[in-house]
């Protein structure tokens, strides 16, 4: 025992001051993470995606994590059964709405493209107007979703011809 603290007390006080080993690891943001974070924030802040199907609530706490770290925690499932807490609650809320809304709207846009209600170019023009670049992994995911939906549509059509 050094001083008046036991080893466990020293560990706990250090965790409070600098974060756990996992927290320190999560604070290293890759370029891909930054790209996705900026994309989700910009699609919500530009007004392109403001609805995500659920009411997103984020609690404000001066001592909470910043917006990026809060999103990383959210993405890793730390807030699965609780409300996210952040000192940048508006930023975190925007990013969460952007992420959830992207998933919702890509599904709807893909269905509309497959049904020939509108074209992919019409949707992409909305992003161009707002000077938003869709990250490559999300574009690939969207293209794959369109192809799957077209395949399902074509298989259903072939079934009706039999």
Protein backbone atom coordinates (compact mmCIF):
# COMPACT_ATOMS: atom_id res chain seq x y z
CA UNK A 1 0.00 0.00 0.00
CA UNK A 2 1.48 3.30 -1.10
CA UNK A 3 0.30 6.30 0.82
CA UNK A 4 -3.28 6.03 1.97
CA UNK A 5 -4.66 4.23 -1.11
CA UNK A 6 -4.74 0.52 -1.84
CA UNK A 7 -3.73 -0.77 -5.25
CA UNK A 8 -7.37 -1.12 -6.38
CA UNK A 9 -8.17 2.42 -5.26
CA UNK A 10 -5.18 3.76 -7.25
CA UNK A 11 -6.32 1.83 -10.33
CA UNK A 12 -9.85 3.20 -10.03
CA UNK A 13 -8.64 6.78 -9.59
CA UNK A 14 -6.38 6.41 -12.64
CA UNK A 15 -9.30 5.04 -14.69
CA UNK A 16 -11.39 8.07 -13.76
CA UNK A 17 -8.57 10.42 -14.74
CA UNK A 18 -7.36 8.88 -18.03
CA UNK A 19 -9.97 6.23 -18.85
CA UNK A 20 -9.72 2.49 -19.00
CA UNK A 21 -7.42 0.71 -21.45
CA UNK A 22 -10.43 0.02 -23.69
CA UNK A 23 -11.47 3.69 -23.58
CA UNK A 24 -7.98 4.83 -24.55
CA UNK A 25 -8.00 2.36 -27.44
CA UNK A 26 -11.40 3.63 -28.63
CA UNK A 27 -10.14 7.22 -28.69
CA UNK A 28 -7.79 6.38 -31.56
CA UNK A 29 -9.92 7.25 -34.58
CA UNK A 30 -9.08 5.83 -37.97
CA UNK A 31 -9.50 7.85 -41.12
CA UNK A 32 -12.44 5.61 -42.11
CA UNK A 33 -14.15 6.28 -38.77
CA UNK A 34 -13.65 10.04 -39.19
CA UNK A 35 -15.02 9.86 -42.73
CA UNK A 36 -18.16 8.01 -41.60
CA UNK A 37 -18.63 10.31 -38.60
CA UNK A 38 -18.40 13.41 -40.81
CA UNK A 39 -20.75 11.88 -43.38
CA UNK A 40 -23.46 10.99 -40.85
CA UNK A 41 -23.16 14.42 -39.25
CA UNK A 42 -23.35 16.25 -42.57
CA UNK A 43 -26.37 14.33 -43.94
CA UNK A 44 -28.31 15.23 -40.82
CA UNK A 45 -27.12 18.82 -40.49
CA UNK A 46 -27.76 19.53 -44.17
CA UNK A 47 -31.37 18.44 -43.77
CA UNK A 48 -31.06 15.55 -46.20
CA UNK A 49 -31.77 12.87 -43.56
CA UNK A 50 -33.65 14.13 -40.52
CA UNK A 51 -35.92 11.16 -39.85
CA UNK A 52 -34.67 7.76 -38.72
CA UNK A 53 -37.83 6.02 -37.56
CA UNK A 54 -37.24 6.40 -33.82
CA UNK A 55 -36.99 9.25 -31.35
CA UNK A 56 -33.28 9.64 -30.59
CA UNK A 57 -32.52 11.07 -27.17
CA UNK A 58 -29.10 11.94 -25.81
CA UNK A 59 -28.45 13.15 -22.29
CA UNK A 60 -26.18 16.13 -21.71
CA UNK A 61 -23.46 15.82 -19.09
CA UNK A 62 -20.58 18.28 -18.78
CA UNK A 63 -18.32 15.43 -17.69
CA UNK A 64 -19.53 13.07 -20.44
CA UNK A 65 -17.56 12.00 -23.47
CA UNK A 66 -17.16 14.19 -26.54
CA UNK A 67 -19.24 13.64 -29.68
CA UNK A 68 -16.83 11.34 -31.52
CA UNK A 69 -16.06 9.18 -28.52
CA UNK A 70 -19.77 9.03 -27.67
CA UNK A 71 -20.51 7.82 -31.19
CA UNK A 72 -17.75 5.23 -30.93
CA UNK A 73 -19.24 4.02 -27.65
CA UNK A 74 -22.71 3.97 -29.23
CA UNK A 75 -21.41 2.03 -32.23
CA UNK A 76 -19.76 -0.52 -29.93
CA UNK A 77 -23.01 -1.10 -28.04
CA UNK A 78 -22.19 0.63 -24.77
CA UNK A 79 -25.55 2.44 -24.77
CA UNK A 80 -27.66 -0.52 -25.87
CA UNK A 81 -30.02 -0.39 -22.87
CA UNK A 82 -29.38 3.17 -21.67
CA UNK A 83 -29.48 6.67 -23.09
CA UNK A 84 -26.24 7.93 -24.62
CA UNK A 85 -24.54 10.58 -22.49
CA UNK A 86 -22.26 13.23 -23.97
CA UNK A 87 -21.02 16.74 -23.41
CA UNK A 88 -21.72 17.28 -27.14
CA UNK A 89 -25.25 15.92 -27.05
CA UNK A 90 -26.46 17.75 -30.18
CA UNK A 91 -23.57 16.45 -32.28
CA UNK A 92 -24.01 12.91 -30.99
CA UNK A 93 -27.77 13.04 -31.63
CA UNK A 94 -27.18 14.28 -35.21
CA UNK A 95 -24.69 11.53 -35.95
CA UNK A 96 -26.96 8.81 -34.54
CA UNK A 97 -29.92 10.13 -36.56
CA UNK A 98 -27.68 10.26 -39.64
CA UNK A 99 -26.55 6.66 -39.18
CA UNK A 100 -30.00 5.23 -38.43
CA UNK A 101 -31.60 7.38 -41.11
CA UNK A 102 -29.09 6.27 -43.72
CA UNK A 103 -30.03 2.64 -43.10
CA UNK A 104 -33.73 3.43 -43.31
CA UNK A 105 -33.59 5.65 -46.39
CA UNK A 106 -31.18 3.48 -48.37
CA UNK A 107 -33.69 0.66 -48.02
CA UNK A 108 -36.52 2.92 -49.22
CA UNK A 109 -34.50 4.47 -52.05
CA UNK A 110 -33.41 1.03 -53.24
CA UNK A 111 -37.00 -0.17 -53.31
CA UNK A 112 -38.00 2.91 -55.31
CA UNK A 113 -35.14 2.41 -57.77
CA UNK A 114 -36.07 -1.24 -58.29
CA UNK A 115 -39.72 -0.29 -58.84
CA UNK A 116 -38.65 2.45 -61.30
CA UNK A 117 -40.22 5.16 -59.17
CA UNK A 118 -37.03 7.24 -59.40
CA UNK A 119 -33.40 6.83 -60.40
CA UNK A 120 -30.24 6.58 -58.36
CA UNK A 121 -28.93 9.68 -60.13
CA UNK A 122 -31.84 11.75 -58.79
CA UNK A 123 -30.92 10.76 -55.24
CA UNK A 124 -27.19 11.27 -55.79
CA UNK A 125 -27.89 14.77 -57.18
CA UNK A 126 -29.37 15.72 -53.79
CA UNK A 127 -26.04 14.79 -52.19
CA UNK A 128 -24.12 16.73 -54.85
CA UNK A 129 -26.30 19.83 -54.28
CA UNK A 130 -25.36 19.74 -50.60
CA UNK A 131 -21.68 19.01 -51.35
CA UNK A 132 -21.77 15.66 -49.52
CA UNK A 133 -19.62 12.76 -50.66
CA UNK A 134 -20.95 9.31 -49.82
CA UNK A 135 -18.15 7.10 -48.47
CA UNK A 136 -17.17 4.19 -50.73
CA UNK A 137 -18.20 1.41 -48.29
CA UNK A 138 -21.71 2.87 -48.07
CA UNK A 139 -21.94 3.18 -51.87
CA UNK A 140 -20.89 -0.47 -52.29
CA UNK A 141 -23.44 -1.54 -49.69
CA UNK A 142 -26.14 0.46 -51.49
CA UNK A 143 -25.22 -0.99 -54.90
CA UNK A 144 -25.33 -4.52 -53.47
CA UNK A 145 -28.74 -3.84 -51.90
CA UNK A 146 -30.12 -2.61 -55.24
CA UNK A 147 -28.76 -5.71 -56.99
CA UNK A 148 -30.32 -8.02 -54.37
CA UNK A 149 -33.68 -6.29 -54.67
CA UNK A 150 -33.54 -6.48 -58.48
CA UNK A 151 -32.71 -10.17 -58.28
CA UNK A 152 -35.67 -10.80 -55.95
CA UNK A 153 -37.96 -8.78 -58.23
CA UNK A 154 -36.79 -10.70 -61.30
CA UNK A 155 -37.19 -14.09 -59.58
CA UNK A 156 -40.75 -13.18 -58.57
CA UNK A 157 -41.49 -12.15 -62.15
CA UNK A 158 -40.10 -15.43 -63.50
CA UNK A 159 -42.26 -17.34 -61.01
CA UNK A 160 -45.38 -15.65 -62.35
CA UNK A 161 -44.46 -16.73 -65.91
CA UNK A 162 -44.38 -20.41 -64.97
